[in-house]
Amino acid sequence: MSNILIVDDEPDIVQVIADELSEAGYGVSRAGDGVEAVLKFIAQRPDFVLMDIRMPRLNGVDALRIMKAVDGRVPVATFTGQAGVGEMSESNRLGALTCLAKPLLPSQVREFVDKHVRP
């Protein structure tokens, strides 16, 4: 079973995405900020990461930078509802597959994950 790490400081968003991906057969891990995400990434080595850009303690761009240094093979997609063009471009430059715009439709997230990972 493929494991997806979902990272966002908004628990409701994480829950909706986690429910959708769990129903599709994926294992799901959750993190509420960039620090927690990096620690889980190192400990669990997920198969895919979905991560918000704007978060407390460590933002998604900086967390992405660390994750790619640890293991650049793990695909990461960022998402945002507030980040500026510079942050979005920086996440793509660092190796994110894409930067999705909030609000996220769970079915669209599932389709995107399905393209890059098998349940």
N, C-alpha and C. Protein backbone atom coordinates (compact mmCIF):
# COMPACT_ATOMS: atom_id res chain seq x y z
N MET A 1 0.85 -1.18 0.00
CA MET A 1 0.00 0.00 0.00
C MET A 1 0.89 1.24 0.00
N SER A 2 0.63 2.15 -0.90
CA SER A 2 1.39 3.40 -0.97
C SER A 2 0.95 4.35 0.14
N ASN A 3 1.92 5.03 0.71
CA ASN A 3 1.64 5.96 1.80
C ASN A 3 1.79 7.40 1.32
N ILE A 4 0.76 8.19 1.60
CA ILE A 4 0.74 9.59 1.21
C ILE A 4 0.83 10.45 2.48
N LEU A 5 1.76 11.39 2.50
CA LEU A 5 1.88 12.34 3.60
C LEU A 5 1.15 13.61 3.21
N ILE A 6 0.14 13.98 4.00
CA ILE A 6 -0.64 15.19 3.75
C ILE A 6 -0.25 16.21 4.82
N VAL A 7 0.13 17.41 4.37
CA VAL A 7 0.64 18.42 5.28
C VAL A 7 -0.14 19.71 5.11
N ASP A 8 -0.80 20.14 6.18
CA ASP A 8 -1.51 21.41 6.18
C ASP A 8 -1.83 21.76 7.62
N ASP A 9 -1.82 23.04 7.93
CA ASP A 9 -2.15 23.49 9.28
C ASP A 9 -3.65 23.64 9.49
N GLU A 10 -4.44 23.32 8.48
CA GLU A 10 -5.89 23.33 8.60
C GLU A 10 -6.39 21.88 8.68
N PRO A 11 -6.70 21.40 9.89
CA PRO A 11 -7.08 19.99 10.07
C PRO A 11 -8.26 19.54 9.21
N ASP A 12 -9.20 20.42 8.95
CA ASP A 12 -10.36 20.04 8.14
C ASP A 12 -9.96 19.67 6.72
N ILE A 13 -9.02 20.42 6.16
CA ILE A 13 -8.54 20.13 4.80
C ILE A 13 -7.82 18.77 4.79
N VAL A 14 -6.97 18.56 5.78
CA VAL A 14 -6.24 17.29 5.87
C VAL A 14 -7.24 16.14 5.97
N GLN A 15 -8.28 16.29 6.78
CA GLN A 15 -9.26 15.22 6.98
C GLN A 15 -9.99 14.87 5.69
N VAL A 16 -10.43 15.87 4.96
CA VAL A 16 -11.17 15.63 3.72
C VAL A 16 -10.29 14.91 2.70
N ILE A 17 -9.05 15.36 2.55
CA ILE A 17 -8.14 14.72 1.60
C ILE A 17 -7.79 13.31 2.07
N ALA A 18 -7.53 13.16 3.36
CA ALA A 18 -7.19 11.84 3.91
C ALA A 18 -8.33 10.85 3.69
N ASP A 19 -9.56 11.28 3.91
CA ASP A 19 -10.71 10.41 3.69
C ASP A 19 -10.79 9.95 2.24
N GLU A 20 -10.61 10.87 1.32
CA GLU A 20 -10.68 10.55 -0.11
C GLU A 20 -9.59 9.55 -0.50
N LEU A 21 -8.37 9.80 -0.04
CA LEU A 21 -7.25 8.93 -0.41
C LEU A 21 -7.34 7.57 0.28
N SER A 22 -7.83 7.56 1.51
CA SER A 22 -8.01 6.28 2.22
C SER A 22 -9.04 5.40 1.50
N GLU A 23 -10.12 6.03 1.05
CA GLU A 23 -11.15 5.29 0.31
C GLU A 23 -10.60 4.73 -0.99
N ALA A 24 -9.58 5.38 -1.54
CA ALA A 24 -8.97 4.92 -2.79
C ALA A 24 -7.92 3.84 -2.55
N GLY A 25 -7.67 3.51 -1.28
CA GLY A 25 -6.73 2.44 -0.98
C GLY A 25 -5.34 2.87 -0.58
N TYR A 26 -5.15 4.16 -0.39
CA TYR A 26 -3.84 4.66 0.04
C TYR A 26 -3.73 4.66 1.56
N GLY A 27 -2.51 4.47 2.05
CA GLY A 27 -2.22 4.73 3.45
C GLY A 27 -1.97 6.22 3.58
N VAL A 28 -2.36 6.80 4.70
CA VAL A 28 -2.26 8.25 4.86
C VAL A 28 -1.55 8.58 6.17
N SER A 29 -0.60 9.51 6.09
CA SER A 29 0.02 10.11 7.27
C SER A 29 -0.31 11.59 7.23
N ARG A 30 -0.31 12.21 8.39
CA ARG A 30 -0.69 13.62 8.47
C ARG A 30 0.34 14.41 9.25
N ALA A 31 0.50 15.67 8.85
CA ALA A 31 1.37 16.59 9.58
C ALA A 31 0.71 17.96 9.55
N GLY A 32 0.85 18.71 10.65
CA GLY A 32 0.19 20.00 10.77
C GLY A 32 1.08 21.21 10.49
N ASP A 33 2.37 20.97 10.27
CA ASP A 33 3.27 22.07 9.90
C ASP A 33 4.52 21.48 9.26
N GLY A 34 5.40 22.35 8.79
CA GLY A 34 6.58 21.91 8.07
C GLY A 34 7.56 21.11 8.92
N VAL A 35 7.71 21.46 10.18
CA VAL A 35 8.63 20.73 11.06
C VAL A 35 8.16 19.29 11.23
N GLU A 36 6.89 19.14 11.56
CA GLU A 36 6.32 17.80 11.72
C GLU A 36 6.42 17.02 10.41
N ALA A 37 6.20 17.70 9.29
CA ALA A 37 6.27 17.05 7.97
C ALA A 37 7.67 16.51 7.69
N VAL A 38 8.69 17.30 7.95
CA VAL A 38 10.06 16.86 7.71
C VAL A 38 10.39 15.66 8.60
N LEU A 39 10.00 15.71 9.86
CA LEU A 39 10.28 14.60 10.77
C LEU A 39 9.58 13.31 10.31
N LYS A 40 8.33 13.43 9.88
CA LYS A 40 7.61 12.25 9.38
C LYS A 40 8.20 11.77 8.07
N PHE A 41 8.61 12.69 7.22
CA PHE A 41 9.22 12.34 5.94
C PHE A 41 10.49 11.51 6.18
N ILE A 42 11.32 11.94 7.09
CA ILE A 42 12.56 11.23 7.39
C ILE A 42 12.27 9.86 7.99
N ALA A 43 11.33 9.80 8.91
CA ALA A 43 11.02 8.55 9.61
C ALA A 43 10.26 7.55 8.73
N GLN A 44 9.37 8.03 7.88
CA GLN A 44 8.46 7.13 7.16
C GLN A 44 8.77 6.97 5.68
N ARG A 45 9.48 7.91 5.09
CA ARG A 45 9.73 7.91 3.64
C ARG A 45 8.47 7.59 2.85
N PRO A 46 7.52 8.52 2.85
CA PRO A 46 6.26 8.29 2.13
C PRO A 46 6.50 8.14 0.63
N ASP A 47 5.48 7.65 -0.06
CA ASP A 47 5.56 7.48 -1.50
C ASP A 47 5.18 8.76 -2.25
N PHE A 48 4.52 9.68 -1.54
CA PHE A 48 4.07 10.93 -2.16
C PHE A 48 3.76 11.91 -1.04
N VAL A 49 4.00 13.20 -1.30
CA VAL A 49 3.72 14.24 -0.31
C VAL A 49 2.82 15.30 -0.96
N LEU A 50 1.74 15.65 -0.26
CA LEU A 50 0.89 16.79 -0.61
C LEU A 50 1.07 17.81 0.50
N MET A 51 1.54 19.03 0.16
CA MET A 51 1.91 19.95 1.21
C MET A 51 1.51 21.39 0.91
N ASP A 52 0.91 22.01 1.91
CA ASP A 52 0.57 23.43 1.85
C ASP A 52 1.85 24.25 1.88
N ILE A 53 1.82 25.43 1.30
CA ILE A 53 2.99 26.30 1.32
C ILE A 53 3.01 27.16 2.57
N ARG A 54 1.88 27.75 2.91
CA ARG A 54 1.84 28.66 4.06
C ARG A 54 1.45 27.91 5.32
N MET A 55 2.45 27.72 6.21
CA MET A 55 2.22 27.01 7.48
C MET A 55 3.11 27.63 8.55
N PRO A 56 2.75 27.41 9.81
CA PRO A 56 3.58 27.91 10.91
C PRO A 56 4.86 27.08 11.08
N ARG A 57 5.78 27.61 11.81
CA ARG A 57 7.07 27.02 12.19
C ARG A 57 8.02 26.83 11.02
N LEU A 58 7.60 26.16 9.98
CA LEU A 58 8.42 25.94 8.79
C LEU A 58 7.48 25.88 7.61
N ASN A 59 7.65 26.80 6.66
CA ASN A 59 6.71 26.82 5.54
C ASN A 59 6.98 25.67 4.57
N GLY A 60 6.06 25.47 3.66
CA GLY A 60 6.15 24.36 2.73
C GLY A 60 7.33 24.43 1.78
N VAL A 61 7.74 25.62 1.40
CA VAL A 61 8.90 25.76 0.50
C VAL A 61 10.16 25.29 1.21
N ASP A 62 10.35 25.72 2.45
CA ASP A 62 11.54 25.30 3.20
C ASP A 62 11.49 23.82 3.54
N ALA A 63 10.30 23.31 3.87
CA ALA A 63 10.16 21.88 4.13
C ALA A 63 10.47 21.08 2.87
N LEU A 64 10.00 21.55 1.72
CA LEU A 64 10.28 20.90 0.44
C LEU A 64 11.78 20.85 0.18
N ARG A 65 12.46 21.94 0.44
CA ARG A 65 13.91 22.02 0.24
C ARG A 65 14.61 20.92 1.05
N ILE A 66 14.21 20.76 2.29
CA ILE A 66 14.81 19.73 3.16
C ILE A 66 14.46 18.34 2.66
N MET A 67 13.19 18.12 2.32
CA MET A 67 12.77 16.80 1.85
C MET A 67 13.54 16.39 0.59
N LYS A 68 13.71 17.29 -0.33
CA LYS A 68 14.42 16.97 -1.57
C LYS A 68 15.90 16.69 -1.30
N ALA A 69 16.47 17.33 -0.28
CA ALA A 69 17.86 17.04 0.08
C ALA A 69 17.98 15.65 0.72
N VAL A 70 16.96 15.25 1.46
CA VAL A 70 16.96 13.94 2.11
C VAL A 70 16.72 12.83 1.08
N ASP A 71 15.72 13.00 0.23
CA ASP A 71 15.40 12.00 -0.79
C ASP A 71 14.66 12.67 -1.93
N GLY A 72 15.38 13.01 -2.95
CA GLY A 72 14.82 13.73 -4.09
C GLY A 72 13.93 12.91 -4.99
N ARG A 73 13.84 11.61 -4.72
CA ARG A 73 13.01 10.74 -5.57
C ARG A 73 11.54 10.77 -5.20
N VAL A 74 11.21 11.19 -4.00
CA VAL A 74 9.81 11.19 -3.55
C VAL A 74 9.08 12.36 -4.21
N PRO A 75 8.01 12.08 -4.95
CA PRO A 75 7.27 13.18 -5.58
C PRO A 75 6.51 14.00 -4.54
N VAL A 76 6.53 15.32 -4.76
CA VAL A 76 5.86 16.26 -3.86
C VAL A 76 5.02 17.20 -4.71
N ALA A 77 3.80 17.44 -4.28
CA ALA A 77 2.95 18.47 -4.88
C ALA A 77 2.61 19.46 -3.77
N THR A 78 2.77 20.72 -4.05
CA THR A 78 2.40 21.74 -3.08
C THR A 78 1.02 22.28 -3.44
N PHE A 79 0.41 22.97 -2.48
CA PHE A 79 -0.86 23.64 -2.74
C PHE A 79 -0.93 24.88 -1.87
N THR A 80 -1.79 25.81 -2.28
CA THR A 80 -1.88 27.06 -1.55
C THR A 80 -3.18 27.79 -1.87
N GLY A 81 -3.58 28.59 -0.92
CA GLY A 81 -4.70 29.49 -1.13
C GLY A 81 -4.25 30.92 -0.95
N GLN A 82 -3.01 31.11 -0.46
CA GLN A 82 -2.54 32.45 -0.12
C GLN A 82 -1.16 32.79 -0.63
N ALA A 83 -0.37 31.84 -1.01
CA ALA A 83 1.02 32.11 -1.37
C ALA A 83 1.10 32.98 -2.62
N GLY A 84 2.15 33.76 -2.69
CA GLY A 84 2.37 34.59 -3.85
C GLY A 84 3.02 33.80 -4.97
N VAL A 85 3.13 34.43 -6.12
CA VAL A 85 3.70 33.79 -7.30
C VAL A 85 5.15 33.36 -7.03
N GLY A 86 5.89 34.15 -6.26
CA GLY A 86 7.27 33.81 -5.96
C GLY A 86 7.39 32.51 -5.19
N GLU A 87 6.54 32.31 -4.20
CA GLU A 87 6.56 31.07 -3.43
C GLU A 87 6.15 29.88 -4.28
N MET A 88 5.17 30.08 -5.12
CA MET A 88 4.72 29.00 -5.99
C MET A 88 5.83 28.63 -6.98
N SER A 89 6.47 29.62 -7.56
CA SER A 89 7.56 29.38 -8.51
C SER A 89 8.73 28.70 -7.82
N GLU A 90 9.03 29.12 -6.60
CA GLU A 90 10.13 28.53 -5.85
C GLU A 90 9.86 27.06 -5.55
N SER A 91 8.62 26.72 -5.21
CA SER A 91 8.31 25.31 -4.94
C SER A 91 8.50 24.48 -6.21
N ASN A 92 8.12 25.02 -7.34
CA ASN A 92 8.32 24.30 -8.61
C ASN A 92 9.81 24.19 -8.95
N ARG A 93 10.55 25.24 -8.70
CA ARG A 93 11.99 25.24 -8.97
C ARG A 93 12.70 24.19 -8.11
N LEU A 94 12.22 24.01 -6.89
CA LEU A 94 12.83 23.04 -5.98
C LEU A 94 12.43 21.59 -6.28
N GLY A 95 11.51 21.40 -7.19
CA GLY A 95 11.18 20.05 -7.60
C GLY A 95 9.77 19.59 -7.34
N ALA A 96 8.89 20.48 -6.88
CA ALA A 96 7.49 20.09 -6.73
C ALA A 96 6.90 19.80 -8.11
N LEU A 97 6.06 18.80 -8.19
CA LEU A 97 5.42 18.46 -9.46
C LEU A 97 4.54 19.58 -9.96
N THR A 98 3.85 20.22 -9.02
CA THR A 98 2.96 21.32 -9.35
C THR A 98 2.60 22.04 -8.06
N CYS A 99 1.97 23.18 -8.21
CA CYS A 99 1.41 23.89 -7.06
C CYS A 99 -0.08 24.05 -7.34
N LEU A 100 -0.89 23.30 -6.61
CA LEU A 100 -2.34 23.32 -6.79
C LEU A 100 -2.94 24.50 -6.02
N ALA A 101 -4.05 25.01 -6.52
CA ALA A 101 -4.73 26.13 -5.87
C ALA A 101 -5.87 25.63 -4.99
N LYS A 102 -5.95 26.20 -3.78
CA LYS A 102 -7.10 25.94 -2.91
C LYS A 102 -8.26 26.77 -3.40
N PRO A 103 -9.47 26.36 -3.23
CA PRO A 103 -9.88 25.14 -2.54
C PRO A 103 -9.62 23.91 -3.39
N LEU A 104 -9.20 22.84 -2.72
CA LEU A 104 -8.91 21.58 -3.39
C LEU A 104 -10.17 20.72 -3.41
N LEU A 105 -10.48 20.18 -4.56
CA LEU A 105 -11.56 19.20 -4.64
C LEU A 105 -10.96 17.84 -4.38
N PRO A 106 -11.47 17.11 -3.41
CA PRO A 106 -10.88 15.81 -3.08
C PRO A 106 -10.73 14.88 -4.28
N SER A 107 -11.71 14.86 -5.16
CA SER A 107 -11.64 13.98 -6.33
C SER A 107 -10.50 14.38 -7.26
N GLN A 108 -10.24 15.67 -7.38
CA GLN A 108 -9.14 16.13 -8.23
C GLN A 108 -7.79 15.77 -7.60
N VAL A 109 -7.70 15.88 -6.28
CA VAL A 109 -6.47 15.49 -5.59
C VAL A 109 -6.23 14.00 -5.80
N ARG A 110 -7.27 13.22 -5.66
CA ARG A 110 -7.15 11.77 -5.86
C ARG A 110 -6.68 11.45 -7.28
N GLU A 111 -7.26 12.08 -8.27
CA GLU A 111 -6.85 11.85 -9.66
C GLU A 111 -5.39 12.22 -9.87
N PHE A 112 -4.97 13.32 -9.25
CA PHE A 112 -3.58 13.76 -9.39
C PHE A 112 -2.64 12.74 -8.74
N VAL A 113 -2.97 12.29 -7.54
CA VAL A 113 -2.15 11.29 -6.85
C VAL A 113 -2.13 9.99 -7.65
N ASP A 114 -3.27 9.58 -8.17
CA ASP A 114 -3.35 8.35 -8.98
C ASP A 114 -2.40 8.38 -10.17
N LYS A 115 -2.17 9.56 -10.74
CA LYS A 115 -1.27 9.68 -11.90
C LYS A 115 0.18 9.41 -11.51
N HIS A 116 0.52 9.63 -10.25
CA HIS A 116 1.91 9.56 -9.82
C HIS A 116 2.23 8.40 -8.89
N VAL A 117 1.19 7.79 -8.31
CA VAL A 117 1.40 6.73 -7.33
C VAL A 117 0.29 5.68 -7.49
N ARG A 118 0.62 4.45 -7.19
CA ARG A 118 -0.40 3.41 -7.19
C ARG A 118 -0.84 3.15 -5.75
N PRO A 119 -2.16 2.93 -5.53
CA PRO A 119 -2.62 2.66 -4.17
C PRO A 119 -2.00 1.40 -3.58
